[in-house]
């Protein structure tokens, strides 16, 4: 979901560019998101080095992810001061000046950033600052997400919200890691095989693994606008509202006696809520979510259920990024799928074949170069070709503008795993 012309991830990258350059930015993500990350960066006009996108073999919470990034940065750049920023936060750019001003603390402290609370929020952890240290304060203690009564008391006593943003010197970080999380330290010291490393560590958060145990933690106050966009209720709070308090994205809405709702659907679609208050309605081409705003954090349970069933919808969305461009699924069933495919200039798909489906390509924009068995030819807007199942084929864009085609797949299986690659510019199997 976008709140403007850029996504929350893109906004995070642009903030990081306030204090760093693109060559020194690293992104830790997973296999299914790596091309999305690269595509989002390219949309901003930047080209992040492929080796700066670090792929976790599996999710093991925040400490292993941070260790992965810190280890790679130390190996490539030597001793460094590293900023760690979740990609789902909203933060005023002015805060980056305060963050960069905390560099002096990193020589002997693990630095975290505490948000000055605007309300007694029960969805955030809290940090209690002690005596001043340079630009920040020594951390007295961390508190987990509290009850409303405790949250009010924390705010009155000067506690800060735990932002989950950090500034670490690599030497200080690994010293504290060795002392407080020796099993994680040993796993990352003993091998360069990231799959083996992740197989040897248990899921553990950075807070529980190090921050809550270390005596070398400092917190710097941030008084700028901030939000952890971890659920749809948080998104609602950051959204513009109509006269009834409804936040509406994309669609046309006709609310009847309905207020306080978050509504998201495709442009031009009519969504009407009647006698409905404080709900989330998110309608995408492949999924529909309806729940009370107060229960929106339970969406992660839906994702966990899909992953348990190995349902690809837990990993792939209606628009999927690939190293050559992207595709959007317009319609699908068990035996057919219609895609809008965009291939960037001078890019090509792999030489491949499918055992279970045929494909029909129609060019919408640009020039397509088609390799089909022993033939090679070009297609222009309005022209088409047919690829029988079992035929080796390849699509490329020799032009200077993005190539856009409509692809119609028909067969006994239209799953993404029905691809046999013979040659690929991007090293995919």
Protein backbone atom coordinates (compact mmCIF):
# COMPACT_ATOMS: atom_id res chain seq x y z
CA UNK A 1 0.00 0.00 0.00
CA UNK A 2 1.27 3.47 -0.90
CA UNK A 3 0.46 6.68 0.94
CA UNK A 4 1.76 8.80 -1.94
CA UNK A 5 3.77 8.21 -5.08
CA UNK A 6 6.29 5.99 -3.27
CA UNK A 7 5.98 2.85 -1.14
CA UNK A 8 6.96 2.66 2.53
CA UNK A 9 10.07 0.68 1.52
CA UNK A 10 11.04 3.36 -1.00
CA UNK A 11 10.54 6.06 1.64
CA UNK A 12 12.89 4.15 3.96
CA UNK A 13 15.55 3.97 1.24
CA UNK A 14 15.24 7.70 0.52
CA UNK A 15 15.69 8.46 4.21
CA UNK A 16 18.82 6.32 4.34
CA UNK A 17 20.22 8.28 1.39
CA UNK A 18 20.13 11.37 3.63
CA UNK A 19 23.04 9.93 5.63
CA UNK A 20 24.60 7.39 3.25
CA UNK A 21 25.12 6.67 -0.44
CA UNK A 22 23.46 3.96 -2.49
CA UNK A 23 26.63 1.84 -2.69
CA UNK A 24 26.71 1.47 1.11
CA UNK A 25 23.06 0.50 1.59
CA UNK A 26 22.32 -3.19 2.23
CA UNK A 27 18.87 -4.80 2.29
CA UNK A 28 18.17 -8.05 4.15
CA UNK A 29 15.16 -9.82 2.68
CA UNK A 30 14.00 -13.26 1.51
CA UNK A 31 14.06 -15.10 -1.81
CA UNK A 32 10.48 -14.26 -2.79
CA UNK A 33 11.02 -10.51 -2.22
CA UNK A 34 14.47 -9.95 -3.72
CA UNK A 35 13.28 -8.89 -7.18
CA UNK A 36 10.56 -6.73 -5.61
CA UNK A 37 13.30 -4.95 -3.65
CA UNK A 38 15.46 -4.48 -6.75
CA UNK A 39 12.47 -3.28 -8.79
CA UNK A 40 11.41 -0.80 -6.12
CA UNK A 41 14.92 0.64 -6.04
CA UNK A 42 15.09 0.88 -9.84
CA UNK A 43 11.75 2.77 -9.84
CA UNK A 44 13.52 5.50 -7.86
CA UNK A 45 16.28 5.71 -10.47
CA UNK A 46 18.93 3.93 -8.42
CA UNK A 47 20.82 0.73 -9.11
CA UNK A 48 21.76 -1.12 -5.93
CA UNK A 49 24.52 -3.68 -6.43
CA UNK A 50 23.05 -7.19 -6.51
CA UNK A 51 25.43 -8.32 -3.77
CA UNK A 52 23.93 -5.67 -1.47
CA UNK A 53 20.61 -7.51 -1.44
CA UNK A 54 21.16 -10.18 1.22
CA UNK A 55 18.87 -13.21 1.10
CA UNK A 56 17.89 -14.96 4.33
CA UNK A 57 17.28 -18.69 3.74
CA UNK A 58 14.49 -18.55 6.35
CA UNK A 59 13.11 -16.07 8.85
CA UNK A 60 14.76 -16.34 12.28
CA UNK A 61 13.60 -13.03 13.82
CA UNK A 62 15.65 -9.83 14.02
CA UNK A 63 18.96 -10.83 15.67
CA UNK A 64 20.12 -13.29 12.95
CA UNK A 65 18.97 -10.85 10.24
CA UNK A 66 20.98 -8.01 11.80
CA UNK A 67 23.99 -10.28 12.34
CA UNK A 68 23.85 -11.28 8.67
CA UNK A 69 23.97 -7.68 7.53
CA UNK A 70 26.60 -6.62 10.07
CA UNK A 71 28.86 -9.54 9.13
CA UNK A 72 28.72 -8.77 5.41
CA UNK A 73 29.36 -5.06 5.99
CA UNK A 74 32.34 -5.77 8.25
CA UNK A 75 33.77 -8.23 5.71
CA UNK A 76 33.45 -5.84 2.77
CA UNK A 77 34.00 -2.43 4.37
CA UNK A 78 35.94 -3.17 7.56
CA UNK A 79 34.99 -1.64 10.89
CA UNK A 80 31.92 0.52 10.28
CA UNK A 81 29.06 2.32 11.98
CA UNK A 82 25.83 0.77 10.72
CA UNK A 83 22.30 2.14 10.87
CA UNK A 84 19.50 -0.45 11.03
CA UNK A 85 16.04 0.63 9.86
CA UNK A 86 12.89 -1.51 9.43
CA UNK A 87 11.31 -0.97 6.02
CA UNK A 88 7.74 -0.58 7.31
CA UNK A 89 8.10 2.62 9.34
CA UNK A 90 6.95 6.15 8.65
CA UNK A 91 9.50 8.69 9.89
CA UNK A 92 10.06 12.38 9.24
CA UNK A 93 13.27 12.90 7.24
CA UNK A 94 14.39 15.51 9.77
CA UNK A 95 15.00 12.66 12.22
CA UNK A 96 18.00 11.53 10.15
CA UNK A 97 19.95 14.58 11.39
CA UNK A 98 19.39 13.46 14.98
CA UNK A 99 20.34 9.89 14.06
CA UNK A 100 23.59 10.95 12.39
CA UNK A 101 24.32 13.16 15.39
CA UNK A 102 24.47 10.03 17.59
CA UNK A 103 27.64 8.72 15.91
CA UNK A 104 29.88 9.69 18.84
CA UNK A 105 27.94 7.35 21.13
CA UNK A 106 28.65 4.28 19.01
CA UNK A 107 32.31 4.04 20.01
CA UNK A 108 31.29 2.50 23.32
CA UNK A 109 27.51 1.96 23.18
CA UNK A 110 24.82 0.13 21.30
CA UNK A 111 22.56 3.01 20.29
CA UNK A 112 18.80 2.74 19.95
CA UNK A 113 16.24 5.45 19.27
CA UNK A 114 13.25 6.19 21.46
CA UNK A 115 10.20 8.01 20.17
CA UNK A 116 8.65 10.67 22.40
CA UNK A 117 5.11 9.27 22.94
CA UNK A 118 2.09 11.21 21.72
CA UNK A 119 -0.32 8.89 23.56
CA UNK A 120 -0.30 5.90 25.95
CA UNK A 121 -0.05 3.29 23.15
CA UNK A 122 -0.33 -0.41 24.04
CA UNK A 123 1.12 -1.65 20.74
CA UNK A 124 4.73 -0.55 21.34
CA UNK A 125 7.47 -1.54 23.75
CA UNK A 126 8.89 1.15 26.03
CA UNK A 127 12.38 2.32 27.03
CA UNK A 128 13.19 4.03 30.34
CA UNK A 129 16.03 6.56 29.94
CA UNK A 130 18.44 7.22 32.83
CA UNK A 131 21.26 9.78 33.14
CA UNK A 132 22.43 11.73 30.05
CA UNK A 133 25.31 10.38 27.94
CA UNK A 134 26.43 12.71 25.16
CA UNK A 135 23.57 13.09 22.69
CA UNK A 136 21.49 10.46 24.48
CA UNK A 137 20.80 8.71 27.76
CA UNK A 138 21.86 5.48 29.37
CA UNK A 139 19.03 2.93 29.16
CA UNK A 140 17.68 1.95 32.56
CA UNK A 141 15.32 -0.77 31.33
CA UNK A 142 13.14 -2.07 28.51
CA UNK A 143 9.45 -2.85 28.99
CA UNK A 144 7.30 -5.09 26.78
CA UNK A 145 4.00 -3.94 25.26
CA UNK A 146 1.97 -2.85 28.30
CA UNK A 147 -1.62 -2.66 29.40
CA UNK A 148 -3.34 0.70 28.95
CA UNK A 149 -2.92 1.47 32.66
CA UNK A 150 0.82 0.76 32.53
CA UNK A 151 1.18 2.66 29.24
CA UNK A 152 -0.30 5.77 30.85
CA UNK A 153 2.11 5.44 33.76
CA UNK A 154 5.09 4.97 31.42
CA UNK A 155 4.20 8.14 29.50
CA UNK A 156 3.87 10.12 32.73
CA UNK A 157 7.26 8.83 33.92
CA UNK A 158 9.07 9.89 30.72
CA UNK A 159 9.45 6.50 29.03
CA UNK A 160 10.01 6.44 25.25
CA UNK A 161 8.51 4.18 22.61
CA UNK A 162 10.94 1.50 21.42
CA UNK A 163 11.36 2.28 17.71
CA UNK A 164 13.37 -0.80 16.70
CA UNK A 165 15.93 1.44 14.94
CA UNK A 166 19.61 1.15 15.87
CA UNK A 167 23.09 2.55 15.27
CA UNK A 168 25.92 0.08 15.89
CA UNK A 169 29.71 0.07 15.60
CA UNK A 170 30.59 -3.36 14.23
CA UNK A 171 33.30 -3.98 16.86
CA UNK A 172 31.02 -3.03 19.77
CA UNK A 173 28.14 -5.07 18.32
CA UNK A 174 30.12 -8.29 17.92
CA UNK A 175 31.71 -7.87 21.34
CA UNK A 176 28.26 -7.65 22.96
CA UNK A 177 26.93 -10.46 20.75
CA UNK A 178 29.74 -12.76 21.92
CA UNK A 179 28.98 -11.99 25.58
CA UNK A 180 25.18 -12.11 25.55
CA UNK A 181 24.28 -14.41 22.63
CA UNK A 182 27.31 -16.74 22.32
CA UNK A 183 25.44 -19.39 20.29
CA UNK A 184 24.55 -16.84 17.59
CA UNK A 185 28.10 -15.42 17.64
CA UNK A 186 29.57 -18.92 17.24
CA UNK A 187 27.26 -19.76 14.33
CA UNK A 188 28.28 -16.65 12.37
CA UNK A 189 31.98 -17.03 13.23
CA UNK A 190 32.18 -20.68 12.26
CA UNK A 191 31.00 -20.56 8.63
CA UNK A 192 30.33 -18.40 5.57
CA UNK A 193 27.51 -20.73 4.47
CA UNK A 194 24.41 -18.72 5.32
CA UNK A 195 22.12 -21.77 5.05
CA UNK A 196 24.30 -23.67 7.51
CA UNK A 197 24.44 -20.65 9.83
CA UNK A 198 20.67 -20.24 9.88
CA UNK A 199 20.27 -23.96 10.46
CA UNK A 200 22.35 -23.60 13.64
CA UNK A 201 20.57 -20.61 15.24
CA UNK A 202 17.23 -20.39 16.99
CA UNK A 203 14.80 -17.55 16.24
CA UNK A 204 15.61 -14.66 18.59
CA UNK A 205 14.95 -10.92 18.60
CA UNK A 206 17.66 -8.27 18.86
CA UNK A 207 15.97 -6.91 22.01
CA UNK A 208 15.87 -10.22 23.85
CA UNK A 209 19.23 -11.43 22.52
CA UNK A 210 21.36 -8.37 23.28
CA UNK A 211 19.67 -5.05 24.03
CA UNK A 212 17.87 -6.08 27.22
CA UNK A 213 21.04 -7.74 28.60
CA UNK A 214 23.82 -5.34 27.67
CA UNK A 215 25.04 -2.64 30.07
CA UNK A 216 26.32 -0.61 27.10
CA UNK A 217 23.00 0.61 25.66
CA UNK A 218 22.18 4.26 25.03
CA UNK A 219 18.93 5.74 23.77
CA UNK A 220 18.56 8.92 21.73
CA UNK A 221 15.21 10.76 21.80
CA UNK A 222 13.36 11.33 18.53
CA UNK A 223 10.60 13.92 18.71
CA UNK A 224 9.68 13.71 15.01
CA UNK A 225 6.62 12.05 13.49
CA UNK A 226 6.99 8.24 13.56
CA UNK A 227 4.76 5.21 13.10
CA UNK A 228 5.44 1.48 13.04
CA UNK A 229 3.23 0.40 10.14
CA UNK A 230 2.95 -3.16 11.42
CA UNK A 231 -0.78 -3.58 10.84
CA UNK A 232 -3.76 -2.04 9.05
CA UNK A 233 -4.88 -0.17 12.16
CA UNK A 234 -1.58 1.72 12.15
CA UNK A 235 -2.06 2.45 8.44
CA UNK A 236 -5.51 3.84 9.19
CA UNK A 237 -4.08 6.19 11.80
CA UNK A 238 -1.62 7.61 9.23
CA UNK A 239 -4.18 7.98 6.44
CA UNK A 240 -6.24 10.93 5.32
CA UNK A 241 -9.92 10.61 6.27
CA UNK A 242 -13.21 11.72 4.77
CA UNK A 243 -15.91 13.52 6.74
CA UNK A 244 -16.97 10.23 8.35
CA UNK A 245 -13.46 9.18 9.39
CA UNK A 246 -13.15 6.62 6.59
CA UNK A 247 -9.73 6.17 4.95
CA UNK A 248 -10.29 5.18 1.32
CA UNK A 249 -7.66 4.06 -1.22
CA UNK A 250 -8.17 3.49 -4.94
CA UNK A 251 -11.86 2.75 -5.09
CA UNK A 252 -15.04 4.81 -5.09
CA UNK A 253 -16.94 4.50 -1.82
CA UNK A 254 -20.54 5.14 -0.84
CA UNK A 255 -20.73 4.82 2.95
CA UNK A 256 -24.16 4.54 4.50
CA UNK A 257 -24.11 5.20 8.25
CA UNK A 258 -20.51 3.89 8.34
CA UNK A 259 -17.46 5.50 9.96
CA UNK A 260 -13.89 4.82 11.03
CA UNK A 261 -13.18 2.26 8.28
CA UNK A 262 -10.08 1.54 6.18
CA UNK A 263 -11.15 0.65 2.61
CA UNK A 264 -8.73 -0.41 -0.13
CA UNK A 265 -9.63 -1.68 -3.60
CA UNK A 266 -8.76 -1.12 -7.24
CA UNK A 267 -9.47 2.21 -8.98
CA UNK A 268 -12.98 2.46 -10.38
CA UNK A 269 -14.46 -0.28 -8.21
CA UNK A 270 -17.42 0.73 -6.06
CA UNK A 271 -17.23 -0.33 -2.42
CA UNK A 272 -20.15 0.47 -0.15
CA UNK A 273 -20.28 -0.19 3.59
CA UNK A 274 -23.66 -0.01 5.34
CA UNK A 275 -24.00 0.33 9.13
CA UNK A 276 -20.34 -0.70 9.47
CA UNK A 277 -17.85 0.95 11.79
CA UNK A 278 -14.13 0.60 12.56
CA UNK A 279 -13.49 -2.17 10.02
CA UNK A 280 -10.70 -3.01 7.56
CA UNK A 281 -11.76 -3.97 4.02
CA UNK A 282 -8.84 -4.74 1.69
CA UNK A 283 -9.77 -6.08 -1.74
CA UNK A 284 -6.93 -7.12 -4.07
CA UNK A 285 -7.06 -9.30 -7.21
CA UNK A 286 -6.04 -12.43 -5.29
CA UNK A 287 -7.40 -11.86 -1.78
CA UNK A 288 -10.14 -10.20 0.29
CA UNK A 289 -9.68 -9.23 3.93
CA UNK A 290 -12.51 -8.10 6.22
CA UNK A 291 -11.88 -7.66 9.93
CA UNK A 292 -12.27 -5.16 12.79
CA UNK A 293 -9.43 -2.62 12.82
CA UNK A 294 -8.59 -3.72 16.36
CA UNK A 295 -7.95 -7.28 15.11
CA UNK A 296 -5.83 -6.39 12.07
CA UNK A 297 -2.62 -7.63 13.73
CA UNK A 298 -4.03 -11.17 13.40
CA UNK A 299 -3.41 -11.04 9.63
CA UNK A 300 -0.01 -12.63 10.41
CA UNK A 301 -1.95 -15.74 11.53
CA UNK A 302 -3.51 -15.95 8.05
CA UNK A 303 -0.06 -15.70 6.46
CA UNK A 304 1.28 -18.42 8.80
CA UNK A 305 -1.62 -20.68 7.82
CA UNK A 306 -0.94 -20.16 4.09
CA UNK A 307 2.78 -20.88 4.58
CA UNK A 308 1.95 -24.08 6.45
CA UNK A 309 -0.09 -25.23 3.45
CA UNK A 310 2.71 -24.11 1.07
CA UNK A 311 0.26 -21.75 -0.63
CA UNK A 312 2.18 -19.46 -3.02
CA UNK A 313 -0.18 -16.58 -2.16
CA UNK A 314 1.76 -16.21 1.10
CA UNK A 315 4.82 -15.21 -0.95
CA UNK A 316 3.63 -13.86 -4.31
CA UNK A 317 1.24 -10.97 -4.83
CA UNK A 318 -0.71 -9.74 -7.85
CA UNK A 319 2.37 -7.87 -9.09
CA UNK A 320 5.61 -9.88 -8.99
CA UNK A 321 9.04 -8.39 -9.67
CA UNK A 322 11.68 -10.27 -11.64
CA UNK A 323 15.24 -9.25 -12.64
CA UNK A 324 14.01 -8.45 -16.15
CA UNK A 325 10.92 -6.45 -15.08
CA UNK A 326 7.60 -7.50 -13.56
CA UNK A 327 4.26 -9.16 -14.23
CA UNK A 328 0.76 -8.59 -12.90
CA UNK A 329 -1.78 -11.41 -12.77
CA UNK A 330 -5.03 -10.14 -14.28
CA UNK A 331 -7.06 -13.35 -14.02
CA UNK A 332 -6.38 -16.99 -13.13
CA UNK A 333 -7.91 -20.41 -12.52
CA UNK A 334 -6.46 -23.92 -12.25
CA UNK A 335 -6.11 -24.18 -16.03
CA UNK A 336 -5.60 -20.63 -17.24
CA UNK A 337 -3.79 -17.46 -16.29
CA UNK A 338 -3.68 -14.01 -17.89
CA UNK A 339 -0.67 -11.78 -17.17
CA UNK A 340 0.35 -8.25 -18.04
CA UNK A 341 4.14 -8.56 -18.48
CA UNK A 342 6.62 -5.66 -18.54
CA UNK A 343 10.18 -6.27 -19.76
CA UNK A 344 12.65 -3.44 -19.21
CA UNK A 345 14.91 -2.20 -22.06
CA UNK A 346 17.82 -4.52 -22.98
CA UNK A 347 16.47 -7.23 -20.66
CA UNK A 348 15.45 -10.78 -21.52
CA UNK A 349 13.68 -13.70 -19.90
CA UNK A 350 15.37 -17.08 -19.66
CA UNK A 351 15.43 -19.57 -22.55
CA UNK A 352 12.80 -22.00 -21.28
CA UNK A 353 9.98 -24.42 -21.98
CA UNK A 354 6.82 -25.57 -20.22
CA UNK A 355 5.59 -29.15 -20.08
CA UNK A 356 2.01 -28.44 -19.09
CA UNK A 357 0.93 -25.17 -20.71
CA UNK A 358 0.89 -23.18 -23.92
CA UNK A 359 1.26 -19.39 -24.12
CA UNK A 360 -0.20 -16.73 -26.39
CA UNK A 361 1.60 -13.34 -26.43
CA UNK A 362 0.08 -10.07 -27.66
CA UNK A 363 2.29 -6.96 -27.76
CA UNK A 364 0.69 -3.86 -26.22
CA UNK A 365 3.66 -1.46 -26.23
CA UNK A 366 7.26 -1.55 -27.44
CA UNK A 367 9.05 -4.11 -29.60
CA UNK A 368 9.33 -7.79 -28.64
CA UNK A 369 12.12 -10.03 -29.84
CA UNK A 370 10.91 -13.65 -29.81
CA UNK A 371 13.04 -16.79 -29.92
CA UNK A 372 10.84 -19.84 -30.64
CA UNK A 373 12.65 -23.13 -31.29
CA UNK A 374 14.87 -22.34 -34.33
CA UNK A 375 13.03 -19.14 -35.31
CA UNK A 376 13.76 -15.58 -34.21
CA UNK A 377 11.49 -12.66 -35.10
CA UNK A 378 10.15 -9.31 -33.87
CA UNK A 379 6.62 -8.31 -32.88
CA UNK A 380 5.15 -4.80 -32.77
CA UNK A 381 2.05 -3.45 -30.97
CA UNK A 382 -1.06 -5.39 -31.97
CA UNK A 383 0.94 -8.40 -33.25
CA UNK A 384 0.97 -11.78 -31.53
CA UNK A 385 2.50 -15.25 -31.45
CA UNK A 386 1.67 -18.68 -30.02
CA UNK A 387 4.03 -20.90 -28.00
CA UNK A 388 3.03 -24.57 -27.86
CA UNK A 389 3.82 -26.55 -24.72
CA UNK A 390 7.22 -28.23 -25.01
CA UNK A 391 8.63 -25.48 -27.27
CA UNK A 392 11.85 -23.76 -26.25
CA UNK A 393 11.25 -20.02 -26.25
CA UNK A 394 12.56 -16.68 -25.04
CA UNK A 395 11.22 -13.14 -24.86
CA UNK A 396 13.46 -10.06 -24.86
CA UNK A 397 13.21 -6.30 -25.25
CA UNK A 398 15.75 -4.84 -27.71
CA UNK A 399 14.13 -1.39 -27.57
CA UNK A 400 14.65 1.74 -25.50
CA UNK A 401 11.22 1.80 -23.82
CA UNK A 402 9.60 -0.86 -21.62
CA UNK A 403 7.99 -3.73 -23.52
CA UNK A 404 4.45 -4.57 -22.42
CA UNK A 405 2.66 -7.75 -23.48
CA UNK A 406 -0.45 -9.67 -22.51
CA UNK A 407 0.27 -13.36 -21.94
CA UNK A 408 -2.51 -15.97 -21.91
CA UNK A 409 -1.49 -19.33 -20.41
CA UNK A 410 -3.62 -22.46 -21.00
CA UNK A 411 -2.94 -25.99 -19.79
CA UNK A 412 -3.23 -28.65 -17.11
CA UNK A 413 -0.96 -26.57 -14.86
CA UNK A 414 -0.22 -22.83 -14.91
CA UNK A 415 1.90 -22.78 -11.75
CA UNK A 416 5.19 -20.88 -11.70
CA UNK A 417 7.14 -24.10 -11.08
CA UNK A 418 6.40 -25.39 -14.62
CA UNK A 419 9.54 -23.75 -16.02
CA UNK A 420 12.55 -25.60 -17.39
CA UNK A 421 15.42 -23.14 -17.94
CA UNK A 422 18.23 -23.74 -20.43
CA UNK A 423 19.96 -20.34 -20.25
CA UNK A 424 19.48 -17.40 -17.91
CA UNK A 425 21.29 -14.06 -17.64
CA UNK A 426 20.59 -13.88 -13.90
CA UNK A 427 21.94 -17.22 -12.74
CA UNK A 428 18.55 -18.76 -11.89
CA UNK A 429 18.31 -22.54 -11.97
